[in-house]
Each structure stands twice: as structure tokens, then as C-alpha cells.
Amino acid sequence: MENKKTSFTSIDEYIAAFPADVQTKLEALRATIHAAAPAAAEKISYQMPTFTLNGNLVHFAAFKNHIGFYPVPTGIAAFKRELSGYKTAKGSVQFPLDQPLPMTLIRKIVRFRVAENLKRAPKKK
């Protein structure tokens, strides 16, 4: 998805910038993250929807052919076998838009990241 808008102030605004079918996937992803990390806060960081809990938890973003999910390198490494059917990089995975999102796997990854971040001391403001 090539967005002409380059400055989003909320996840709602970000999601609204995409076609209806992509919005549906993004809202489902957002709801899955919320369910797995109910104490996480939402924000836009690097112009991507971001969830935070004692620091960055996960990010996601929509593109022309996929949804990028960014659970940092530890989140990818811990689920390497389960993610083997997807294109991955050090801290990211690409979920093709023409396939259902693997919500059970996403939920597991988010819970893993929550446990990691809860072990860390809260960030000072």
C-alpha cells in the first residue's frame, strides 16, 4: 500500500488510510495484540502502529502485498520454526495479504514479548 499521507497521529488514522479489505486485517491484528497484551499502550512510532509495555513491544505496518509484523529479533528467533513458512528478517516477518493472518501464532509471539518486557525495569519518564 502506497500511502500519500506520511504523518499519522493515531492507529485509527493509520488504518483508515488503507482499502477496506486491508483495514479489516489491520483491525483484527490490532485486536489480537490487545487481547494478548491488555496493559500495552498504543502509539505511532516510525509512522507505524506500535504497542508499548516497558518499552516497545511490537509494531505492524501494511504494504502493497503484505502486512509487516515487528516483534524485535528475540520474537522472531523464539518462533523461528513456526515462522518458517513466511519471509522473515532479523526483527520482522511478512504476512502476505492474500492469506489469512496466523492469529494464534501472533498471539503467542505477543505474549512472549510481554513476558520479556515485564522482566525489564519500567522506563523512567
N, C-alpha and C. Protein backbone atom coordinates (compact mmCIF):
# COMPACT_ATOMS: atom_id res chain seq x y z
N MET A 1 0.84 -1.17 0.00
CA MET A 1 0.00 0.00 0.00
C MET A 1 0.89 1.24 0.00
N GLU A 2 0.74 2.01 -0.96
CA GLU A 2 1.50 3.26 -1.02
C GLU A 2 0.61 4.36 -0.46
N ASN A 3 0.90 4.83 0.72
CA ASN A 3 0.13 5.91 1.32
C ASN A 3 0.72 7.24 0.94
N LYS A 4 -0.14 8.15 0.54
CA LYS A 4 0.32 9.51 0.25
C LYS A 4 0.56 10.26 1.56
N LYS A 5 -0.23 9.92 2.57
CA LYS A 5 -0.07 10.56 3.87
C LYS A 5 1.17 9.99 4.55
N THR A 6 2.00 10.86 5.08
CA THR A 6 3.24 10.39 5.69
C THR A 6 3.32 10.68 7.18
N SER A 7 2.31 11.31 7.73
CA SER A 7 2.36 11.63 9.15
C SER A 7 1.04 11.27 9.83
N PHE A 8 1.06 10.15 10.55
CA PHE A 8 -0.13 9.69 11.25
C PHE A 8 -0.01 10.04 12.72
N THR A 9 -1.15 10.33 13.35
CA THR A 9 -1.12 10.66 14.78
C THR A 9 -1.79 9.59 15.64
N SER A 10 -2.49 8.64 15.01
CA SER A 10 -3.13 7.58 15.78
C SER A 10 -3.21 6.31 14.92
N ILE A 11 -3.40 5.19 15.59
CA ILE A 11 -3.56 3.92 14.87
C ILE A 11 -4.86 3.93 14.07
N ASP A 12 -5.91 4.55 14.60
CA ASP A 12 -7.16 4.66 13.85
C ASP A 12 -6.93 5.39 12.53
N GLU A 13 -6.20 6.47 12.58
CA GLU A 13 -5.90 7.25 11.37
C GLU A 13 -5.06 6.43 10.39
N TYR A 14 -4.10 5.70 10.90
CA TYR A 14 -3.25 4.85 10.06
C TYR A 14 -4.12 3.82 9.34
N ILE A 15 -4.93 3.09 10.08
CA ILE A 15 -5.75 2.03 9.49
C ILE A 15 -6.73 2.59 8.47
N ALA A 16 -7.30 3.76 8.75
CA ALA A 16 -8.28 4.37 7.84
C ALA A 16 -7.68 4.74 6.49
N ALA A 17 -6.37 4.81 6.39
CA ALA A 17 -5.71 5.20 5.14
C ALA A 17 -5.65 4.05 4.12
N PHE A 18 -6.10 2.85 4.50
CA PHE A 18 -5.99 1.68 3.63
C PHE A 18 -7.35 1.25 3.09
N PRO A 19 -7.35 0.45 2.02
CA PRO A 19 -8.62 -0.08 1.49
C PRO A 19 -9.33 -0.94 2.54
N ALA A 20 -10.63 -1.11 2.38
CA ALA A 20 -11.46 -1.80 3.36
C ALA A 20 -10.97 -3.20 3.69
N ASP A 21 -10.53 -3.97 2.71
CA ASP A 21 -10.09 -5.34 2.99
C ASP A 21 -8.83 -5.35 3.85
N VAL A 22 -7.94 -4.40 3.63
CA VAL A 22 -6.72 -4.30 4.43
C VAL A 22 -7.06 -3.77 5.82
N GLN A 23 -7.99 -2.82 5.89
CA GLN A 23 -8.42 -2.30 7.19
C GLN A 23 -8.94 -3.43 8.08
N THR A 24 -9.70 -4.34 7.49
CA THR A 24 -10.24 -5.46 8.25
C THR A 24 -9.12 -6.30 8.86
N LYS A 25 -8.09 -6.59 8.08
CA LYS A 25 -6.95 -7.37 8.58
C LYS A 25 -6.19 -6.59 9.66
N LEU A 26 -5.99 -5.30 9.44
CA LEU A 26 -5.26 -4.48 10.42
C LEU A 26 -6.03 -4.38 11.73
N GLU A 27 -7.35 -4.22 11.66
CA GLU A 27 -8.17 -4.16 12.89
C GLU A 27 -8.13 -5.49 13.63
N ALA A 28 -8.16 -6.59 12.88
CA ALA A 28 -8.10 -7.92 13.51
C ALA A 28 -6.74 -8.12 14.18
N LEU A 29 -5.68 -7.68 13.54
CA LEU A 29 -4.34 -7.77 14.11
C LEU A 29 -4.26 -6.93 15.38
N ARG A 30 -4.76 -5.73 15.31
CA ARG A 30 -4.77 -4.83 16.47
C ARG A 30 -5.53 -5.46 17.64
N ALA A 31 -6.69 -6.04 17.37
CA ALA A 31 -7.49 -6.67 18.42
C ALA A 31 -6.77 -7.87 19.03
N THR A 32 -6.08 -8.63 18.20
CA THR A 32 -5.32 -9.78 18.69
C THR A 32 -4.19 -9.33 19.61
N ILE A 33 -3.50 -8.28 19.22
CA ILE A 33 -2.42 -7.74 20.05
C ILE A 33 -2.98 -7.25 21.38
N HIS A 34 -4.10 -6.51 21.33
CA HIS A 34 -4.73 -6.03 22.57
C HIS A 34 -5.13 -7.18 23.49
N ALA A 35 -5.68 -8.24 22.91
CA ALA A 35 -6.10 -9.38 23.72
C ALA A 35 -4.91 -10.06 24.38
N ALA A 36 -3.79 -10.12 23.69
CA ALA A 36 -2.59 -10.78 24.23
C ALA A 36 -1.80 -9.87 25.17
N ALA A 37 -2.00 -8.57 25.03
CA ALA A 37 -1.26 -7.59 25.84
C ALA A 37 -2.20 -6.47 26.29
N PRO A 38 -3.18 -6.80 27.15
CA PRO A 38 -4.18 -5.79 27.52
C PRO A 38 -3.62 -4.55 28.22
N ALA A 39 -2.46 -4.65 28.84
CA ALA A 39 -1.88 -3.50 29.53
C ALA A 39 -1.02 -2.63 28.62
N ALA A 40 -0.83 -3.06 27.38
CA ALA A 40 0.02 -2.30 26.46
C ALA A 40 -0.67 -1.03 26.00
N ALA A 41 0.12 -0.01 25.77
CA ALA A 41 -0.37 1.26 25.25
C ALA A 41 -0.12 1.32 23.74
N GLU A 42 -0.96 2.08 23.06
CA GLU A 42 -0.82 2.28 21.61
C GLU A 42 -0.18 3.62 21.32
N LYS A 43 0.58 3.65 20.25
CA LYS A 43 1.10 4.92 19.74
C LYS A 43 1.56 4.70 18.30
N ILE A 44 1.90 5.78 17.65
CA ILE A 44 2.53 5.71 16.33
C ILE A 44 4.01 5.98 16.56
N SER A 45 4.85 5.09 16.07
CA SER A 45 6.29 5.25 16.16
C SER A 45 6.88 4.83 14.82
N TYR A 46 7.78 5.62 14.29
CA TYR A 46 8.32 5.37 12.95
C TYR A 46 7.20 5.29 11.92
N GLN A 47 6.12 6.03 12.15
CA GLN A 47 4.93 6.06 11.29
C GLN A 47 4.27 4.69 11.15
N MET A 48 4.43 3.86 12.19
CA MET A 48 3.80 2.54 12.24
C MET A 48 3.02 2.40 13.54
N PRO A 49 1.91 1.66 13.51
CA PRO A 49 1.23 1.33 14.76
C PRO A 49 2.18 0.57 15.68
N THR A 50 2.24 1.01 16.92
CA THR A 50 3.19 0.46 17.89
C THR A 50 2.47 0.22 19.21
N PHE A 51 2.81 -0.89 19.84
CA PHE A 51 2.32 -1.19 21.18
C PHE A 51 3.52 -1.16 22.11
N THR A 52 3.35 -0.52 23.27
CA THR A 52 4.44 -0.40 24.23
C THR A 52 4.03 -0.95 25.59
N LEU A 53 5.01 -1.51 26.28
CA LEU A 53 4.85 -2.01 27.64
C LEU A 53 6.27 -2.14 28.18
N ASN A 54 6.68 -1.22 29.04
CA ASN A 54 8.09 -1.18 29.47
C ASN A 54 9.00 -1.09 28.25
N GLY A 55 8.66 -0.25 27.31
CA GLY A 55 9.40 -0.11 26.05
C GLY A 55 8.59 -0.66 24.90
N ASN A 56 9.16 -0.63 23.71
CA ASN A 56 8.45 -1.14 22.54
C ASN A 56 8.16 -2.63 22.69
N LEU A 57 6.94 -3.00 22.34
CA LEU A 57 6.51 -4.39 22.40
C LEU A 57 6.50 -4.97 20.99
N VAL A 58 5.62 -4.46 20.14
CA VAL A 58 5.55 -4.86 18.72
C VAL A 58 5.09 -3.68 17.88
N HIS A 59 5.42 -3.73 16.61
CA HIS A 59 4.94 -2.77 15.61
C HIS A 59 4.28 -3.58 14.50
N PHE A 60 3.45 -2.92 13.69
CA PHE A 60 2.98 -3.54 12.45
C PHE A 60 2.77 -2.46 11.41
N ALA A 61 2.73 -2.87 10.15
CA ALA A 61 2.54 -1.92 9.05
C ALA A 61 2.02 -2.66 7.83
N ALA A 62 1.22 -1.96 7.04
CA ALA A 62 0.68 -2.55 5.81
C ALA A 62 1.48 -2.06 4.62
N PHE A 63 1.68 -2.97 3.67
CA PHE A 63 2.39 -2.68 2.44
C PHE A 63 1.56 -3.20 1.27
N LYS A 64 2.07 -3.06 0.07
CA LYS A 64 1.33 -3.43 -1.13
C LYS A 64 0.89 -4.90 -1.12
N ASN A 65 1.77 -5.80 -0.71
CA ASN A 65 1.48 -7.23 -0.79
C ASN A 65 1.50 -7.97 0.54
N HIS A 66 1.81 -7.26 1.62
CA HIS A 66 1.91 -7.95 2.91
C HIS A 66 1.66 -7.01 4.07
N ILE A 67 1.50 -7.62 5.24
CA ILE A 67 1.49 -6.88 6.49
C ILE A 67 2.78 -7.25 7.20
N GLY A 68 3.55 -6.24 7.54
CA GLY A 68 4.78 -6.46 8.28
C GLY A 68 4.48 -6.47 9.77
N PHE A 69 5.07 -7.41 10.46
CA PHE A 69 4.90 -7.53 11.91
C PHE A 69 6.29 -7.54 12.51
N TYR A 70 6.53 -6.69 13.50
CA TYR A 70 7.86 -6.44 14.02
C TYR A 70 7.92 -6.70 15.53
N PRO A 71 8.21 -7.94 15.93
CA PRO A 71 8.29 -8.26 17.36
C PRO A 71 9.73 -8.25 17.90
N VAL A 72 10.61 -7.54 17.29
CA VAL A 72 12.05 -7.45 17.58
C VAL A 72 12.73 -8.81 17.35
N PRO A 73 14.05 -8.82 17.25
CA PRO A 73 14.75 -10.07 16.93
C PRO A 73 14.45 -11.26 17.85
N THR A 74 14.27 -11.01 19.14
CA THR A 74 14.01 -12.14 20.04
C THR A 74 12.66 -12.79 19.74
N GLY A 75 11.68 -12.00 19.33
CA GLY A 75 10.38 -12.54 18.99
C GLY A 75 10.41 -13.39 17.73
N ILE A 76 11.27 -13.04 16.81
CA ILE A 76 11.44 -13.84 15.58
C ILE A 76 12.21 -15.11 15.91
N ALA A 77 13.30 -14.98 16.64
CA ALA A 77 14.15 -16.14 16.96
C ALA A 77 13.39 -17.19 17.75
N ALA A 78 12.59 -16.77 18.71
CA ALA A 78 11.87 -17.71 19.57
C ALA A 78 10.82 -18.53 18.81
N PHE A 79 10.35 -18.01 17.69
CA PHE A 79 9.31 -18.69 16.92
C PHE A 79 9.78 -19.00 15.50
N LYS A 80 11.08 -19.20 15.36
CA LYS A 80 11.67 -19.43 14.05
C LYS A 80 11.00 -20.58 13.29
N ARG A 81 10.78 -21.69 13.98
CA ARG A 81 10.17 -22.85 13.33
C ARG A 81 8.75 -22.54 12.86
N GLU A 82 7.94 -21.92 13.73
CA GLU A 82 6.56 -21.60 13.38
C GLU A 82 6.46 -20.56 12.27
N LEU A 83 7.49 -19.71 12.15
CA LEU A 83 7.50 -18.66 11.14
C LEU A 83 8.18 -19.09 9.84
N SER A 84 8.61 -20.34 9.76
CA SER A 84 9.39 -20.81 8.61
C SER A 84 8.65 -20.69 7.27
N GLY A 85 7.34 -20.63 7.28
CA GLY A 85 6.58 -20.50 6.05
C GLY A 85 6.41 -19.08 5.56
N TYR A 86 7.00 -18.13 6.30
CA TYR A 86 6.87 -16.71 5.95
C TYR A 86 8.25 -16.11 5.71
N LYS A 87 8.26 -15.02 4.99
CA LYS A 87 9.51 -14.28 4.78
C LYS A 87 9.83 -13.53 6.08
N THR A 88 11.02 -13.79 6.61
CA THR A 88 11.43 -13.14 7.85
C THR A 88 12.77 -12.45 7.68
N ALA A 89 13.04 -11.55 8.57
CA ALA A 89 14.34 -10.90 8.70
C ALA A 89 14.66 -10.89 10.18
N LYS A 90 15.72 -10.25 10.56
CA LYS A 90 16.18 -10.28 11.95
C LYS A 90 15.08 -9.94 12.97
N GLY A 91 14.28 -8.92 12.69
CA GLY A 91 13.26 -8.50 13.64
C GLY A 91 11.88 -8.36 13.04
N SER A 92 11.65 -8.99 11.87
CA SER A 92 10.37 -8.80 11.20
C SER A 92 9.90 -10.06 10.48
N VAL A 93 8.60 -10.07 10.22
CA VAL A 93 8.00 -11.14 9.42
C VAL A 93 6.97 -10.49 8.50
N GLN A 94 6.82 -11.07 7.31
CA GLN A 94 5.85 -10.57 6.34
C GLN A 94 4.72 -11.59 6.20
N PHE A 95 3.50 -11.13 6.46
CA PHE A 95 2.32 -11.96 6.28
C PHE A 95 1.63 -11.51 4.99
N PRO A 96 1.60 -12.38 3.96
CA PRO A 96 1.00 -11.99 2.68
C PRO A 96 -0.47 -11.58 2.83
N LEU A 97 -0.86 -10.53 2.10
CA LEU A 97 -2.24 -10.05 2.18
C LEU A 97 -3.25 -11.04 1.61
N ASP A 98 -2.80 -11.94 0.74
CA ASP A 98 -3.73 -12.89 0.13
C ASP A 98 -3.90 -14.16 0.96
N GLN A 99 -3.39 -14.15 2.20
CA GLN A 99 -3.54 -15.29 3.10
C GLN A 99 -4.10 -14.79 4.44
N PRO A 100 -4.81 -15.67 5.16
CA PRO A 100 -5.28 -15.26 6.49
C PRO A 100 -4.10 -15.00 7.43
N LEU A 101 -4.27 -14.05 8.32
CA LEU A 101 -3.22 -13.80 9.32
C LEU A 101 -3.20 -14.95 10.32
N PRO A 102 -2.02 -15.41 10.73
CA PRO A 102 -1.92 -16.50 11.71
C PRO A 102 -2.12 -15.97 13.13
N MET A 103 -3.37 -15.70 13.49
CA MET A 103 -3.67 -15.02 14.75
C MET A 103 -3.19 -15.79 15.98
N THR A 104 -3.27 -17.10 15.97
CA THR A 104 -2.81 -17.88 17.11
C THR A 104 -1.31 -17.69 17.31
N LEU A 105 -0.57 -17.73 16.24
CA LEU A 105 0.88 -17.52 16.30
C LEU A 105 1.20 -16.09 16.73
N ILE A 106 0.49 -15.12 16.18
CA ILE A 106 0.72 -13.71 16.56
C ILE A 106 0.46 -13.54 18.05
N ARG A 107 -0.61 -14.14 18.54
CA ARG A 107 -0.94 -14.05 19.98
C ARG A 107 0.20 -14.63 20.83
N LYS A 108 0.75 -15.77 20.41
CA LYS A 108 1.87 -16.39 21.14
C LYS A 108 3.09 -15.48 21.14
N ILE A 109 3.40 -14.90 20.00
CA ILE A 109 4.56 -14.01 19.91
C ILE A 109 4.38 -12.79 20.80
N VAL A 110 3.19 -12.20 20.77
CA VAL A 110 2.94 -11.02 21.61
C VAL A 110 3.05 -11.38 23.08
N ARG A 111 2.51 -12.51 23.49
CA ARG A 111 2.61 -12.93 24.90
C ARG A 111 4.08 -13.15 25.29
N PHE A 112 4.85 -13.71 24.38
CA PHE A 112 6.28 -13.89 24.61
C PHE A 112 6.96 -12.53 24.83
N ARG A 113 6.61 -11.56 23.98
CA ARG A 113 7.20 -10.22 24.11
C ARG A 113 6.76 -9.54 25.40
N VAL A 114 5.51 -9.74 25.80
CA VAL A 114 5.03 -9.18 27.07
C VAL A 114 5.87 -9.72 28.21
N ALA A 115 6.07 -11.03 28.25
CA ALA A 115 6.87 -11.65 29.31
C ALA A 115 8.29 -11.08 29.31
N GLU A 116 8.87 -10.92 28.12
CA GLU A 116 10.22 -10.33 28.04
C GLU A 116 10.24 -8.92 28.61
N ASN A 117 9.29 -8.10 28.18
CA ASN A 117 9.30 -6.71 28.61
C ASN A 117 8.95 -6.54 30.08
N LEU A 118 8.15 -7.43 30.62
CA LEU A 118 7.82 -7.32 32.05
C LEU A 118 9.02 -7.65 32.94
N LYS A 119 9.98 -8.39 32.41
CA LYS A 119 11.21 -8.68 33.17
C LYS A 119 12.10 -7.46 33.27
N ARG A 120 11.90 -6.51 32.35
CA ARG A 120 12.72 -5.29 32.35
C ARG A 120 12.15 -4.27 33.32
N ALA A 121 13.01 -3.43 33.81
CA ALA A 121 12.56 -2.35 34.69
C ALA A 121 11.75 -1.35 33.85
N PRO A 122 10.70 -0.77 34.43
CA PRO A 122 9.93 0.23 33.69
C PRO A 122 10.82 1.41 33.28
N LYS A 123 10.55 1.94 32.11
CA LYS A 123 11.30 3.11 31.63
C LYS A 123 10.93 4.32 32.44
N LYS A 124 11.90 5.12 32.81
CA LYS A 124 11.65 6.38 33.53
C LYS A 124 11.17 7.43 32.53
N LYS A 125 10.22 8.24 32.98
CA LYS A 125 9.73 9.30 32.09
C LYS A 125 10.36 10.61 32.42
